[in-house]
Amino acid sequence: MAMEKVLEEWCKLHKFHLYSGSFETKDLAKFIGVSPRTVQRWLKEKAKPTKDQLAQIKRYIVENEPKTSL
């Protein structure tokens, strides 16, 4: 998956989980080692994460993907 696609996917997941109460900006910020404000700048497209940070976002998505049971 292209890194830009990873960020786009994360933004969509973030917005969904933010409203459902199961995800917070501070969680990702802590995982990556940046401030929550930095993550907010990414979401508002005022800044972009580095290639390494995008890789960490992808890892975070994979590790924190909601588990569904059938």
N, C-alpha and C. Protein backbone atom coordinates (compact mmCIF):
# COMPACT_ATOMS: atom_id res chain seq x y z
N MET A 1 0.86 -1.18 0.00
CA MET A 1 0.00 0.00 0.00
C MET A 1 0.90 1.24 0.00
N ALA A 2 0.63 2.20 -0.87
CA ALA A 2 1.42 3.42 -0.94
C ALA A 2 1.26 4.20 0.36
N MET A 3 2.31 4.89 0.74
CA MET A 3 2.30 5.61 2.01
C MET A 3 1.20 6.68 2.06
N GLU A 4 0.95 7.37 0.95
CA GLU A 4 -0.12 8.37 0.94
C GLU A 4 -1.46 7.70 1.20
N LYS A 5 -1.64 6.49 0.67
CA LYS A 5 -2.86 5.72 0.89
C LYS A 5 -2.99 5.36 2.36
N VAL A 6 -1.86 5.04 3.01
CA VAL A 6 -1.86 4.70 4.43
C VAL A 6 -2.38 5.89 5.24
N LEU A 7 -1.87 7.08 4.92
CA LEU A 7 -2.30 8.27 5.65
C LEU A 7 -3.78 8.54 5.41
N GLU A 8 -4.22 8.39 4.18
CA GLU A 8 -5.64 8.60 3.85
C GLU A 8 -6.51 7.61 4.61
N GLU A 9 -6.10 6.35 4.64
CA GLU A 9 -6.84 5.31 5.37
C GLU A 9 -6.88 5.64 6.85
N TRP A 10 -5.74 6.06 7.38
CA TRP A 10 -5.69 6.39 8.80
C TRP A 10 -6.60 7.55 9.13
N CYS A 11 -6.62 8.56 8.27
CA CYS A 11 -7.49 9.72 8.50
C CYS A 11 -8.95 9.30 8.58
N LYS A 12 -9.36 8.42 7.67
CA LYS A 12 -10.75 7.94 7.68
C LYS A 12 -11.04 7.15 8.96
N LEU A 13 -10.12 6.26 9.32
CA LEU A 13 -10.29 5.48 10.55
C LEU A 13 -10.32 6.38 11.77
N HIS A 14 -9.44 7.37 11.78
CA HIS A 14 -9.38 8.29 12.91
C HIS A 14 -10.70 9.00 13.10
N LYS A 15 -11.25 9.51 12.02
CA LYS A 15 -12.53 10.24 12.12
C LYS A 15 -13.64 9.33 12.61
N PHE A 16 -13.68 8.09 12.11
CA PHE A 16 -14.69 7.14 12.56
C PHE A 16 -14.53 6.82 14.04
N HIS A 17 -13.33 6.45 14.43
CA HIS A 17 -13.09 6.05 15.82
C HIS A 17 -13.16 7.22 16.79
N LEU A 18 -12.81 8.41 16.32
CA LEU A 18 -12.90 9.60 17.16
C LEU A 18 -14.35 9.80 17.61
N TYR A 19 -15.27 9.64 16.69
CA TYR A 19 -16.69 9.83 17.02
C TYR A 19 -17.28 8.65 17.76
N SER A 20 -16.70 7.49 17.61
CA SER A 20 -17.22 6.33 18.34
C SER A 20 -16.62 6.24 19.74
N GLY A 21 -15.58 7.05 20.01
CA GLY A 21 -14.97 7.07 21.33
C GLY A 21 -13.93 5.99 21.56
N SER A 22 -13.59 5.22 20.52
CA SER A 22 -12.64 4.12 20.72
C SER A 22 -11.23 4.45 20.27
N PHE A 23 -11.00 5.66 19.86
CA PHE A 23 -9.68 6.04 19.37
C PHE A 23 -9.43 7.51 19.68
N GLU A 24 -8.22 7.84 20.06
CA GLU A 24 -7.89 9.23 20.35
C GLU A 24 -6.57 9.60 19.70
N THR A 25 -6.48 10.86 19.30
CA THR A 25 -5.27 11.39 18.67
C THR A 25 -4.06 11.16 19.55
N LYS A 26 -4.23 11.32 20.86
CA LYS A 26 -3.09 11.18 21.78
C LYS A 26 -2.50 9.78 21.75
N ASP A 27 -3.33 8.76 21.44
CA ASP A 27 -2.84 7.39 21.38
C ASP A 27 -1.84 7.22 20.24
N LEU A 28 -2.19 7.72 19.07
CA LEU A 28 -1.29 7.63 17.92
C LEU A 28 -0.04 8.48 18.18
N ALA A 29 -0.24 9.68 18.70
CA ALA A 29 0.90 10.57 18.96
C ALA A 29 1.90 9.90 19.89
N LYS A 30 1.42 9.28 20.93
CA LYS A 30 2.29 8.59 21.88
C LYS A 30 3.01 7.43 21.19
N PHE A 31 2.30 6.67 20.37
CA PHE A 31 2.87 5.52 19.67
C PHE A 31 4.02 5.97 18.77
N ILE A 32 3.84 7.10 18.08
CA ILE A 32 4.85 7.58 17.13
C ILE A 32 5.95 8.40 17.82
N GLY A 33 5.59 9.04 18.93
CA GLY A 33 6.56 9.88 19.63
C GLY A 33 6.50 11.33 19.20
N VAL A 34 5.28 11.78 18.84
CA VAL A 34 5.07 13.18 18.49
C VAL A 34 3.98 13.74 19.39
N SER A 35 3.75 15.02 19.30
CA SER A 35 2.70 15.63 20.11
C SER A 35 1.34 15.41 19.44
N PRO A 36 0.26 15.41 20.23
CA PRO A 36 -1.07 15.32 19.64
C PRO A 36 -1.33 16.46 18.64
N ARG A 37 -0.74 17.61 18.90
CA ARG A 37 -0.89 18.75 17.98
C ARG A 37 -0.32 18.43 16.60
N THR A 38 0.78 17.71 16.57
CA THR A 38 1.38 17.31 15.30
C THR A 38 0.42 16.43 14.51
N VAL A 39 -0.22 15.48 15.18
CA VAL A 39 -1.19 14.61 14.52
C VAL A 39 -2.36 15.45 14.01
N GLN A 40 -2.79 16.42 14.79
CA GLN A 40 -3.88 17.29 14.35
C GLN A 40 -3.49 18.08 13.10
N ARG A 41 -2.24 18.51 13.02
CA ARG A 41 -1.77 19.22 11.82
C ARG A 41 -1.82 18.29 10.60
N TRP A 42 -1.46 17.02 10.80
CA TRP A 42 -1.53 16.06 9.69
C TRP A 42 -2.97 15.91 9.22
N LEU A 43 -3.90 15.78 10.18
CA LEU A 43 -5.31 15.59 9.84
C LEU A 43 -5.89 16.79 9.11
N LYS A 44 -5.41 17.97 9.45
CA LYS A 44 -5.89 19.20 8.81
C LYS A 44 -5.09 19.54 7.56
N GLU A 45 -4.15 18.64 7.21
CA GLU A 45 -3.29 18.79 6.04
C GLU A 45 -2.46 20.08 6.07
N LYS A 46 -2.07 20.50 7.28
CA LYS A 46 -1.18 21.66 7.43
C LYS A 46 0.27 21.22 7.45
N ALA A 47 0.47 19.92 7.62
CA ALA A 47 1.80 19.31 7.61
C ALA A 47 1.63 17.86 7.18
N LYS A 48 2.73 17.23 6.81
CA LYS A 48 2.69 15.82 6.42
C LYS A 48 3.71 15.04 7.24
N PRO A 49 3.35 13.82 7.61
CA PRO A 49 4.31 12.99 8.33
C PRO A 49 5.44 12.54 7.41
N THR A 50 6.57 12.23 8.00
CA THR A 50 7.70 11.73 7.23
C THR A 50 7.40 10.31 6.77
N LYS A 51 8.26 9.80 5.93
CA LYS A 51 8.11 8.42 5.44
C LYS A 51 8.14 7.44 6.62
N ASP A 52 9.05 7.66 7.56
CA ASP A 52 9.14 6.78 8.73
C ASP A 52 7.87 6.87 9.59
N GLN A 53 7.36 8.09 9.75
CA GLN A 53 6.14 8.26 10.53
C GLN A 53 4.95 7.59 9.84
N LEU A 54 4.90 7.66 8.53
CA LEU A 54 3.84 6.97 7.79
C LEU A 54 3.92 5.46 8.00
N ALA A 55 5.13 4.94 8.03
CA ALA A 55 5.31 3.51 8.29
C ALA A 55 4.81 3.16 9.70
N GLN A 56 5.05 4.05 10.65
CA GLN A 56 4.58 3.83 12.02
C GLN A 56 3.06 3.91 12.08
N ILE A 57 2.47 4.83 11.31
CA ILE A 57 1.01 4.94 11.26
C ILE A 57 0.42 3.63 10.74
N LYS A 58 1.03 3.09 9.69
CA LYS A 58 0.55 1.83 9.13
C LYS A 58 0.63 0.73 10.18
N ARG A 59 1.76 0.66 10.89
CA ARG A 59 1.92 -0.34 11.94
C ARG A 59 0.86 -0.17 13.03
N TYR A 60 0.61 1.08 13.40
CA TYR A 60 -0.39 1.38 14.43
C TYR A 60 -1.77 0.91 13.98
N ILE A 61 -2.12 1.17 12.71
CA ILE A 61 -3.42 0.76 12.18
C ILE A 61 -3.55 -0.76 12.27
N VAL A 62 -2.52 -1.46 11.83
CA VAL A 62 -2.55 -2.92 11.84
C VAL A 62 -2.68 -3.46 13.26
N GLU A 63 -1.90 -2.92 14.18
CA GLU A 63 -1.90 -3.41 15.56
C GLU A 63 -3.16 -3.05 16.32
N ASN A 64 -3.84 -1.98 15.92
CA ASN A 64 -5.00 -1.50 16.67
C ASN A 64 -6.30 -1.63 15.91
N GLU A 65 -6.27 -2.38 14.82
CA GLU A 65 -7.48 -2.59 14.04
C GLU A 65 -8.52 -3.31 14.90
N PRO A 66 -9.74 -2.78 14.90
CA PRO A 66 -10.78 -3.44 15.70
C PRO A 66 -10.97 -4.89 15.27
N LYS A 67 -11.06 -5.75 16.23
CA LYS A 67 -11.28 -7.18 15.97
C LYS A 67 -12.78 -7.43 15.94
N THR A 68 -13.22 -8.09 14.89
CA THR A 68 -14.64 -8.43 14.82
C THR A 68 -14.79 -9.93 15.00
N SER A 69 -15.80 -10.30 15.72
CA SER A 69 -16.06 -11.73 15.92
C SER A 69 -17.38 -12.08 15.24
N LEU A 70 -17.42 -13.25 14.69
CA LEU A 70 -18.62 -13.70 13.98
C LEU A 70 -19.45 -14.61 14.84
